[in-house]
Amino acid sequence: MSSHLRDRIPSLPSLRALPSLRSLRSLRPRLSLNERGPAAFVGGVAAAGLGLGAAAVLVLFLWIISPYPDSGGIEGALHVAADVWLLGHGVGLVRTETLSGGPAPAALTPLLLAALPAWLLFRAGADAVAEDRDGLSLLGWLVGGYTAVGACAVLYTSYGPVRSDALSALPHLPLSAALAAGAGAWAERGRPALPLPGVLPREETVAALRAAMAGVAVLVGGGALLTAVSLAWHAGASAEDFGQLSGALAGQLAVLLLAVALIPNAAVWGASYALGPGFTVGAGSAVRPAGAFGYPVLPDFPLLSALPGEGRGTALSWAVLVLPVGAGVVLGYFAAAGRRTAWATTGVAASAAVLCGLAMALLAALASGPLGAGAMAGFGPSAWLTAAAAAGWTALVGVPAALVLRWRRLRDTDDAPGV
């Protein structure tokens, strides 16, 4: 290129000279107090619209490539998209066309479906309070806009072979929106200190929360590993069931996406299995290390193909108890951090065990639900049994582990040269 042409082409700014996304907020027009509320409302509507749009794009793509795209029409596909979006918020669905003739609930929420709505609400909550101190009122406007779109989706899906449960939507939609948007606002404000209730001092309460989160992470991560190992062990049966469910590409993609969306549920189920109480795959059934029994006639689904065979537990199934022991050790490790008395360390570890049990109860409740009536009315772990087992295991192992680790740290400190 000649120097004459090079001089006539404007030079491009370097990447470092470009403004960051956070700095672009300063370019937005300043809104008055009366304008910020409606703007937050529009932000909630936009977050809900983006989530619905993503679900609609996915369902319409599967509908277009299906061998019978005219079945149900585009209205039926959009109805399914709205059902999927609502299910991601924990809203129950009801199937009206069943073999028994009566309605059957379908309220087992694939937890991965909640990821995109939660992220959109998190970002909307952060943007709503980015330049305003009146965060609570703006979050109310935001949740109101999101819930308004959700109410329209509930009305749209109130008919058809699979309809939404309005009574289930009443608490789930606003609560999930408030929690996710509130978390985004809290993160945007620099994660300020929260008024944490408890009998421990604030520093020890924060330490207990951190230790509990570590214990929950080990339990859920171990549950995911158990699921992966079981799927690999039963790879042949899972692949066979996957091929039998649908011969069309659209059907196979739908089954694959559903199985992926249920992986977080399977991780929680695996954690409950390792804790001892296990889970159910239908009324009267039980899957736990002590044995598996009472299986109903289950649908051919890849994740269900990885279930252990019915019968008494084996040495291999009892070996999974190493997972809650490991969770207790990790919890004790975090509880022993810092310079505290033995009594304070015991209080932190015991409180962390209780918090770990409560967290596992919440996860078990979210990861379970009915898939029909009768034998299909119960799928997943019991929240209260899982909570009791998680709290018991982590307390039984975590408290002694925290005290031993504290003693070793103090001994090493005393033996260090110059101390």
Protein backbone atom coordinates (compact mmCIF):
# COMPACT_ATOMS: atom_id res chain seq x y z
CA MET A 1 0.00 0.00 0.00
CA SER A 2 1.40 3.40 -0.97
CA SER A 3 2.05 6.07 1.64
CA HIS A 4 -0.56 8.30 -0.07
CA LEU A 5 -3.37 5.76 0.48
CA ARG A 6 -2.14 4.93 3.98
CA ASP A 7 -2.38 8.59 4.98
CA ARG A 8 -6.00 8.81 3.77
CA ILE A 9 -7.21 5.79 5.82
CA PRO A 10 -8.12 6.82 9.38
CA SER A 11 -6.19 4.98 12.04
CA LEU A 12 -8.17 2.59 14.23
CA PRO A 13 -7.98 2.93 18.02
CA SER A 14 -6.22 0.22 19.95
CA LEU A 15 -8.23 -2.26 22.01
CA ARG A 16 -6.99 -0.64 25.20
CA ALA A 17 -8.38 2.70 24.07
CA LEU A 18 -11.90 1.27 23.67
CA PRO A 19 -14.27 1.91 26.61
CA SER A 20 -15.23 -1.02 28.80
CA LEU A 21 -18.83 -2.19 29.12
CA ARG A 22 -18.99 -0.87 32.68
CA SER A 23 -17.75 2.58 31.60
CA LEU A 24 -20.45 2.74 28.91
CA ARG A 25 -23.03 3.09 31.67
CA SER A 26 -21.89 6.67 32.17
CA LEU A 27 -23.03 7.46 28.63
CA ARG A 28 -26.65 6.55 29.40
CA PRO A 29 -28.97 9.51 30.01
CA ARG A 30 -29.67 10.32 33.63
CA LEU A 31 -33.25 9.46 34.53
CA SER A 32 -35.35 11.29 37.05
CA LEU A 33 -36.80 9.56 40.10
CA ASN A 34 -40.18 9.18 38.38
CA GLU A 35 -38.53 7.62 35.32
CA ARG A 36 -36.26 5.09 36.98
CA GLY A 37 -39.13 2.93 38.26
CA PRO A 38 -40.78 2.42 34.83
CA ALA A 39 -37.31 1.85 33.34
CA ALA A 40 -36.71 -0.96 35.84
CA PHE A 41 -40.15 -2.36 34.99
CA VAL A 42 -39.16 -2.42 31.31
CA GLY A 43 -35.91 -4.13 32.32
CA GLY A 44 -37.91 -6.90 33.97
CA VAL A 45 -40.10 -7.25 30.88
CA ALA A 46 -36.97 -7.43 28.70
CA ALA A 47 -35.36 -10.12 30.88
CA ALA A 48 -38.50 -12.23 30.72
CA GLY A 49 -38.82 -11.65 26.98
CA LEU A 50 -35.24 -12.75 26.34
CA GLY A 51 -35.76 -15.93 28.32
CA LEU A 52 -39.00 -16.71 26.52
CA GLY A 53 -37.38 -15.90 23.19
CA ALA A 54 -34.49 -18.31 23.83
CA ALA A 55 -36.93 -21.09 24.72
CA ALA A 56 -39.02 -20.30 21.64
CA VAL A 57 -35.99 -20.39 19.31
CA LEU A 58 -34.95 -23.80 20.62
CA VAL A 59 -38.45 -25.32 20.45
CA LEU A 60 -39.16 -23.84 17.00
CA PHE A 61 -35.87 -25.24 15.70
CA LEU A 62 -36.82 -28.73 16.89
CA TRP A 63 -40.31 -28.26 15.45
CA ILE A 64 -38.96 -27.21 12.04
CA ILE A 65 -36.57 -30.16 11.67
CA SER A 66 -39.12 -32.68 12.94
CA PRO A 67 -40.55 -35.10 10.33
CA TYR A 68 -44.09 -33.87 11.06
CA PRO A 69 -43.79 -30.07 11.45
CA ASP A 70 -47.50 -29.57 10.83
CA SER A 71 -48.45 -31.59 13.92
CA GLY A 72 -49.84 -29.07 16.40
CA GLY A 73 -48.84 -26.10 14.24
CA ILE A 74 -46.68 -23.19 15.25
CA GLU A 75 -49.11 -22.33 18.05
CA GLY A 76 -48.47 -25.70 19.65
CA ALA A 77 -44.71 -25.15 19.41
CA LEU A 78 -44.99 -21.73 21.06
CA HIS A 79 -47.19 -23.28 23.74
CA VAL A 80 -44.45 -25.81 24.47
CA ALA A 81 -41.84 -23.02 24.59
CA ALA A 82 -43.86 -21.12 27.20
CA ASP A 83 -44.31 -24.34 29.19
CA VAL A 84 -40.55 -24.95 29.13
CA TRP A 85 -39.85 -21.38 30.29
CA LEU A 86 -42.32 -21.66 33.16
CA LEU A 87 -40.96 -25.07 34.15
CA GLY A 88 -37.53 -23.48 34.50
CA HIS A 89 -38.97 -21.28 37.28
CA GLY A 90 -40.37 -24.24 39.20
CA VAL A 91 -43.92 -23.78 37.92
CA GLY A 92 -45.71 -27.12 37.75
CA LEU A 93 -47.38 -28.43 34.61
CA VAL A 94 -50.45 -30.65 34.27
CA ARG A 95 -50.99 -33.24 31.53
CA THR A 96 -54.66 -33.57 30.65
CA GLU A 97 -54.37 -36.37 28.06
CA THR A 98 -53.47 -39.50 30.06
CA LEU A 99 -54.33 -43.19 29.80
CA SER A 100 -56.36 -42.99 33.00
CA GLY A 101 -58.35 -40.03 31.74
CA GLY A 102 -57.54 -37.85 34.74
CA PRO A 103 -55.03 -35.01 34.92
CA ALA A 104 -51.47 -35.87 35.91
CA PRO A 105 -48.92 -33.39 37.33
CA ALA A 106 -45.47 -32.95 35.82
CA ALA A 107 -43.55 -30.82 38.30
CA LEU A 108 -40.02 -32.24 38.17
CA THR A 109 -37.99 -29.19 37.13
CA PRO A 110 -34.80 -29.78 35.12
CA LEU A 111 -32.51 -27.48 37.10
CA LEU A 112 -30.42 -26.48 34.10
CA LEU A 113 -33.51 -24.78 32.63
CA ALA A 114 -33.31 -22.27 35.47
CA ALA A 115 -29.78 -21.15 34.54
CA LEU A 116 -30.65 -18.69 31.74
CA PRO A 117 -33.61 -16.99 33.50
CA ALA A 118 -31.53 -16.68 36.68
CA TRP A 119 -28.62 -15.10 34.78
CA LEU A 120 -30.89 -12.66 32.93
CA LEU A 121 -32.52 -11.62 36.20
CA PHE A 122 -29.12 -11.32 37.88
CA ARG A 123 -27.91 -8.94 35.16
CA ALA A 124 -31.18 -6.98 35.18
CA GLY A 125 -30.98 -6.55 38.96
CA ALA A 126 -27.39 -5.31 38.69
CA ASP A 127 -28.29 -2.80 35.97
CA ALA A 128 -31.34 -1.54 37.84
CA VAL A 129 -29.34 -0.36 40.87
CA ALA A 130 -26.09 0.53 39.11
CA GLU A 131 -26.60 4.30 39.50
CA ASP A 132 -29.31 4.52 42.12
CA ARG A 133 -29.36 4.15 45.88
CA ASP A 134 -33.07 3.37 46.05
CA GLY A 135 -32.48 -0.29 45.26
CA LEU A 136 -35.48 -1.93 46.93
CA SER A 137 -38.12 0.10 45.10
CA LEU A 138 -36.37 -0.41 41.76
CA LEU A 139 -36.14 -4.15 42.38
CA GLY A 140 -39.88 -4.09 43.08
CA TRP A 141 -40.49 -2.48 39.69
CA LEU A 142 -38.17 -5.02 38.04
CA VAL A 143 -39.85 -8.03 39.65
CA GLY A 144 -43.24 -6.54 38.75
CA GLY A 145 -42.32 -6.33 35.07
CA TYR A 146 -40.93 -9.86 35.04
CA THR A 147 -43.97 -11.26 36.86
CA ALA A 148 -46.33 -9.47 34.47
CA VAL A 149 -44.80 -11.32 31.53
CA GLY A 150 -44.92 -14.53 33.54
CA ALA A 151 -48.63 -14.01 34.23
CA CYS A 152 -49.25 -13.62 30.51
CA ALA A 153 -47.35 -16.87 29.88
CA VAL A 154 -49.46 -18.63 32.51
CA LEU A 155 -52.67 -17.40 30.84
CA TYR A 156 -51.37 -18.46 27.42
CA THR A 157 -50.59 -21.97 28.68
CA SER A 158 -53.77 -22.40 30.73
CA TYR A 159 -55.27 -24.72 28.09
CA GLY A 160 -54.14 -27.60 25.91
CA PRO A 161 -52.83 -31.12 26.56
CA VAL A 162 -50.06 -29.71 28.80
CA ARG A 163 -51.10 -26.65 30.76
CA SER A 164 -49.48 -24.63 33.50
CA ASP A 165 -50.58 -24.75 37.13
CA ALA A 166 -51.59 -21.22 38.12
CA LEU A 167 -51.46 -21.99 41.84
CA SER A 168 -47.89 -23.22 41.43
CA ALA A 169 -46.93 -20.11 39.45
CA LEU A 170 -48.26 -17.74 42.11
CA PRO A 171 -45.34 -18.21 44.54
CA HIS A 172 -42.63 -19.48 42.20
CA LEU A 173 -42.47 -16.70 39.60
CA PRO A 174 -42.15 -13.66 41.89
CA LEU A 175 -39.95 -15.49 44.41
CA SER A 176 -37.45 -16.74 41.84
CA ALA A 177 -37.38 -13.30 40.19
CA ALA A 178 -36.81 -11.52 43.50
CA LEU A 179 -34.01 -13.85 44.60
CA ALA A 180 -32.06 -13.70 41.33
CA ALA A 181 -32.52 -9.94 40.83
CA GLY A 182 -31.69 -9.29 44.46
CA ALA A 183 -28.47 -11.29 44.14
CA GLY A 184 -27.51 -9.20 41.11
CA ALA A 185 -28.19 -5.94 42.96
CA TRP A 186 -26.18 -7.16 45.97
CA ALA A 187 -23.21 -8.06 43.76
CA GLU A 188 -23.41 -4.72 41.93
CA ARG A 189 -23.27 -2.82 45.23
CA GLY A 190 -20.01 -4.51 46.12
CA ARG A 191 -21.46 -7.37 48.19
CA PRO A 192 -22.18 -5.34 51.33
CA ALA A 193 -22.44 -7.04 54.70
CA LEU A 194 -25.83 -8.63 55.31
CA PRO A 195 -27.59 -8.86 58.67
CA LEU A 196 -26.89 -12.52 59.37
CA PRO A 197 -28.95 -14.03 62.18
CA GLY A 198 -27.36 -16.49 64.53
CA VAL A 199 -25.95 -17.12 67.96
CA LEU A 200 -22.34 -16.80 66.75
CA PRO A 201 -20.43 -13.55 66.27
CA ARG A 202 -20.45 -12.20 62.74
CA GLU A 203 -16.95 -13.38 61.83
CA GLU A 204 -17.70 -16.90 62.99
CA THR A 205 -21.06 -16.88 61.20
CA VAL A 206 -19.32 -15.99 57.92
CA ALA A 207 -16.79 -18.78 58.55
CA ALA A 208 -19.65 -21.24 59.13
CA LEU A 209 -21.30 -20.18 55.87
CA ARG A 210 -18.04 -20.64 54.00
CA ALA A 211 -17.48 -24.08 55.51
CA ALA A 212 -21.07 -25.12 54.74
CA MET A 213 -20.70 -24.05 51.10
CA ALA A 214 -17.53 -26.13 50.83
CA GLY A 215 -19.32 -29.17 52.25
CA VAL A 216 -22.26 -28.75 49.86
CA ALA A 217 -19.86 -28.37 46.91
CA VAL A 218 -18.15 -31.66 47.80
CA LEU A 219 -21.48 -33.47 48.17
CA VAL A 220 -22.97 -32.19 44.90
CA GLY A 221 -19.69 -32.57 43.00
CA GLY A 222 -19.36 -36.11 44.31
CA GLY A 223 -22.97 -36.80 43.31
CA ALA A 224 -22.18 -35.64 39.77
CA LEU A 225 -19.14 -37.94 39.71
CA LEU A 226 -21.27 -40.89 40.88
CA THR A 227 -23.76 -40.13 38.11
CA ALA A 228 -21.01 -40.04 35.49
CA VAL A 229 -19.53 -43.32 36.72
CA SER A 230 -22.95 -45.01 36.72
CA LEU A 231 -23.67 -43.76 33.19
CA ALA A 232 -20.32 -45.09 32.00
CA TRP A 233 -20.99 -48.43 33.76
CA HIS A 234 -24.40 -48.73 32.04
CA ALA A 235 -23.31 -47.09 28.77
CA GLY A 236 -24.76 -49.87 26.63
CA ALA A 237 -28.23 -49.75 28.18
CA SER A 238 -28.29 -45.94 28.10
CA ALA A 239 -27.33 -45.86 24.42
CA GLU A 240 -29.96 -48.48 23.59
CA ASP A 241 -32.71 -46.54 25.38
CA PHE A 242 -31.59 -43.35 23.70
CA GLY A 243 -31.95 -44.91 20.27
CA GLN A 244 -35.35 -46.45 21.04
CA LEU A 245 -37.00 -43.25 22.23
CA SER A 246 -37.03 -41.62 18.82
CA GLY A 247 -35.68 -42.42 15.39
CA ALA A 248 -36.01 -38.86 14.09
CA LEU A 249 -33.21 -36.32 14.52
CA ALA A 250 -35.51 -33.82 16.22
CA GLY A 251 -36.65 -36.39 18.75
CA GLN A 252 -33.12 -37.52 19.53
CA LEU A 253 -31.99 -33.91 20.00
CA ALA A 254 -34.93 -33.28 22.31
CA VAL A 255 -34.06 -36.36 24.41
CA LEU A 256 -30.41 -35.32 24.54
CA LEU A 257 -31.26 -31.77 25.63
CA LEU A 258 -33.63 -33.05 28.30
CA ALA A 259 -30.98 -35.43 29.64
CA VAL A 260 -28.43 -32.59 29.77
CA ALA A 261 -30.93 -30.32 31.54
CA LEU A 262 -31.46 -33.02 34.19
CA ILE A 263 -27.76 -33.49 34.99
CA PRO A 264 -27.86 -31.08 37.99
CA ASN A 265 -30.86 -33.02 39.30
CA ALA A 266 -28.92 -36.26 38.93
CA ALA A 267 -26.00 -34.73 40.84
CA VAL A 268 -28.29 -33.94 43.80
CA TRP A 269 -29.82 -37.43 43.58
CA GLY A 270 -26.32 -38.92 43.64
CA ALA A 271 -25.42 -36.84 46.69
CA SER A 272 -28.53 -38.04 48.52
CA TYR A 273 -27.69 -41.63 47.54
CA ALA A 274 -24.20 -41.30 48.99
CA LEU A 275 -25.59 -39.76 52.18
CA GLY A 276 -27.70 -42.86 52.80
CA PRO A 277 -31.40 -41.91 52.41
CA GLY A 278 -31.19 -42.23 48.63
CA PHE A 279 -34.12 -41.35 46.40
CA THR A 280 -37.27 -42.75 44.85
CA VAL A 281 -38.13 -43.40 41.22
CA GLY A 282 -41.83 -43.84 41.85
CA ALA A 283 -44.17 -44.51 44.71
CA GLY A 284 -42.97 -47.37 46.93
CA SER A 285 -39.47 -47.54 45.46
CA ALA A 286 -36.13 -46.79 47.06
CA VAL A 287 -32.59 -46.46 45.71
CA ARG A 288 -29.96 -46.30 48.44
CA PRO A 289 -26.61 -47.95 49.31
CA ALA A 290 -28.42 -50.57 51.39
CA GLY A 291 -30.23 -51.75 48.26
CA ALA A 292 -32.70 -50.88 45.53
CA PHE A 293 -36.24 -52.22 45.32
CA GLY A 294 -39.79 -51.45 44.24
CA TYR A 295 -39.05 -50.16 40.75
CA PRO A 296 -42.24 -49.40 38.78
CA VAL A 297 -42.42 -49.67 35.00
CA LEU A 298 -40.05 -46.85 34.10
CA PRO A 299 -39.83 -45.08 30.73
CA ASP A 300 -36.85 -45.81 28.52
CA PHE A 301 -34.67 -42.81 29.36
CA PRO A 302 -30.84 -42.69 29.39
CA LEU A 303 -30.49 -41.38 32.95
CA LEU A 304 -32.94 -43.95 34.32
CA SER A 305 -30.98 -46.70 32.59
CA ALA A 306 -28.06 -45.93 34.90
CA LEU A 307 -30.01 -46.95 38.01
CA PRO A 308 -28.54 -49.89 39.97
CA GLY A 309 -30.29 -53.20 39.65
CA GLU A 310 -32.80 -54.23 42.28
CA GLY A 311 -31.43 -56.18 45.21
CA ARG A 312 -29.36 -55.82 48.34
CA GLY A 313 -26.46 -53.41 48.51
CA THR A 314 -22.96 -54.60 47.71
CA ALA A 315 -19.54 -53.59 48.96
CA LEU A 316 -19.29 -51.27 45.95
CA SER A 317 -22.53 -49.49 46.79
CA TRP A 318 -21.51 -49.07 50.45
CA ALA A 319 -18.20 -47.56 49.30
CA VAL A 320 -20.01 -44.36 48.30
CA LEU A 321 -20.19 -43.45 52.01
CA VAL A 322 -16.68 -42.10 51.56
CA LEU A 323 -18.29 -39.05 49.94
CA PRO A 324 -20.05 -37.66 53.07
CA VAL A 325 -16.93 -38.47 55.08
CA GLY A 326 -14.91 -36.38 52.63
CA ALA A 327 -17.47 -33.60 52.82
CA GLY A 328 -17.17 -33.59 56.60
CA VAL A 329 -13.37 -33.38 56.43
CA VAL A 330 -13.53 -30.46 53.98
CA LEU A 331 -16.10 -28.70 56.15
CA GLY A 332 -13.86 -29.20 59.18
CA TYR A 333 -10.87 -27.83 57.26
CA PHE A 334 -12.66 -24.58 56.50
CA ALA A 335 -14.14 -24.37 60.00
CA ALA A 336 -10.65 -24.66 61.53
CA ALA A 337 -9.32 -21.65 59.58
CA GLY A 338 -8.41 -18.66 61.71
CA ARG A 339 -7.28 -18.34 65.28
CA ARG A 340 -10.19 -19.36 67.51
CA THR A 341 -10.65 -21.20 70.75
CA ALA A 342 -11.59 -24.87 70.70
CA TRP A 343 -15.12 -23.98 71.79
CA ALA A 344 -15.49 -21.38 69.03
CA THR A 345 -14.14 -23.83 66.44
CA THR A 346 -16.66 -26.41 67.60
CA GLY A 347 -19.47 -23.86 67.25
CA VAL A 348 -18.39 -22.92 63.73
CA ALA A 349 -18.18 -26.55 62.60
CA ALA A 350 -21.52 -27.50 64.18
CA SER A 351 -23.26 -24.44 62.69
CA ALA A 352 -21.74 -25.21 59.29
CA ALA A 353 -23.12 -28.76 59.51
CA VAL A 354 -26.62 -27.41 60.20
CA LEU A 355 -26.33 -24.95 57.30
CA CYS A 356 -25.08 -27.75 55.04
CA GLY A 357 -28.15 -29.81 55.94
CA LEU A 358 -30.48 -26.88 55.19
CA ALA A 359 -28.80 -26.26 51.83
CA MET A 360 -29.08 -29.91 50.87
CA ALA A 361 -32.75 -29.88 51.88
CA LEU A 362 -33.36 -26.97 49.50
CA LEU A 363 -31.48 -28.65 46.65
CA ALA A 364 -33.31 -31.94 47.21
CA ALA A 365 -36.68 -30.17 47.15
CA LEU A 366 -35.79 -28.34 43.93
CA ALA A 367 -34.45 -31.50 42.26
CA SER A 368 -37.49 -33.69 42.93
CA GLY A 369 -41.15 -33.76 41.99
CA PRO A 370 -43.91 -35.82 40.42
CA LEU A 371 -43.96 -37.01 36.83
CA GLY A 372 -47.53 -38.25 36.93
CA ALA A 373 -50.10 -39.80 39.20
CA GLY A 374 -50.04 -43.11 41.05
CA ALA A 375 -46.70 -44.88 40.76
CA MET A 376 -45.10 -41.84 39.06
CA ALA A 377 -46.11 -39.40 41.79
CA GLY A 378 -42.73 -39.26 43.51
CA PHE A 379 -39.34 -38.84 41.90
CA GLY A 380 -36.22 -37.76 43.72
CA PRO A 381 -34.83 -37.53 47.24
CA SER A 382 -36.71 -36.59 50.39
CA ALA A 383 -35.72 -33.09 51.45
CA TRP A 384 -35.93 -33.77 55.19
CA LEU A 385 -34.14 -37.12 55.15
CA THR A 386 -31.40 -35.63 52.98
CA ALA A 387 -31.08 -32.65 55.33
CA ALA A 388 -30.84 -34.86 58.42
CA ALA A 389 -28.24 -37.13 56.80
CA ALA A 390 -26.14 -34.21 55.51
CA ALA A 391 -26.19 -32.42 58.86
CA GLY A 392 -25.47 -35.64 60.77
CA TRP A 393 -22.56 -36.78 58.59
CA THR A 394 -20.86 -33.39 58.42
CA ALA A 395 -21.29 -32.82 62.16
CA LEU A 396 -20.06 -36.30 63.06
CA VAL A 397 -16.95 -35.95 60.90
CA GLY A 398 -16.55 -32.19 60.60
CA VAL A 399 -16.44 -31.23 64.28
CA PRO A 400 -13.65 -33.69 65.25
CA ALA A 401 -11.81 -32.88 62.01
CA ALA A 402 -11.93 -29.14 62.77
CA LEU A 403 -10.61 -29.68 66.30
CA VAL A 404 -7.79 -31.96 65.11
CA LEU A 405 -6.79 -29.55 62.35
CA ARG A 406 -6.86 -26.65 64.80
CA TRP A 407 -4.64 -28.59 67.24
CA ARG A 408 -2.17 -29.49 64.50
CA ARG A 409 -1.99 -25.90 63.25
CA LEU A 410 -1.32 -24.56 66.76
CA ARG A 411 1.28 -27.29 67.38
CA ASP A 412 3.07 -26.47 64.13
CA THR A 413 2.99 -22.79 65.01
CA ASP A 414 4.47 -23.42 68.47
CA ASP A 415 7.19 -25.65 67.03
CA ALA A 416 8.15 -23.17 64.30
CA PRO A 417 11.54 -21.48 64.83
CA GLY A 418 11.34 -17.96 66.17
CA VAL A 419 7.78 -18.36 67.51
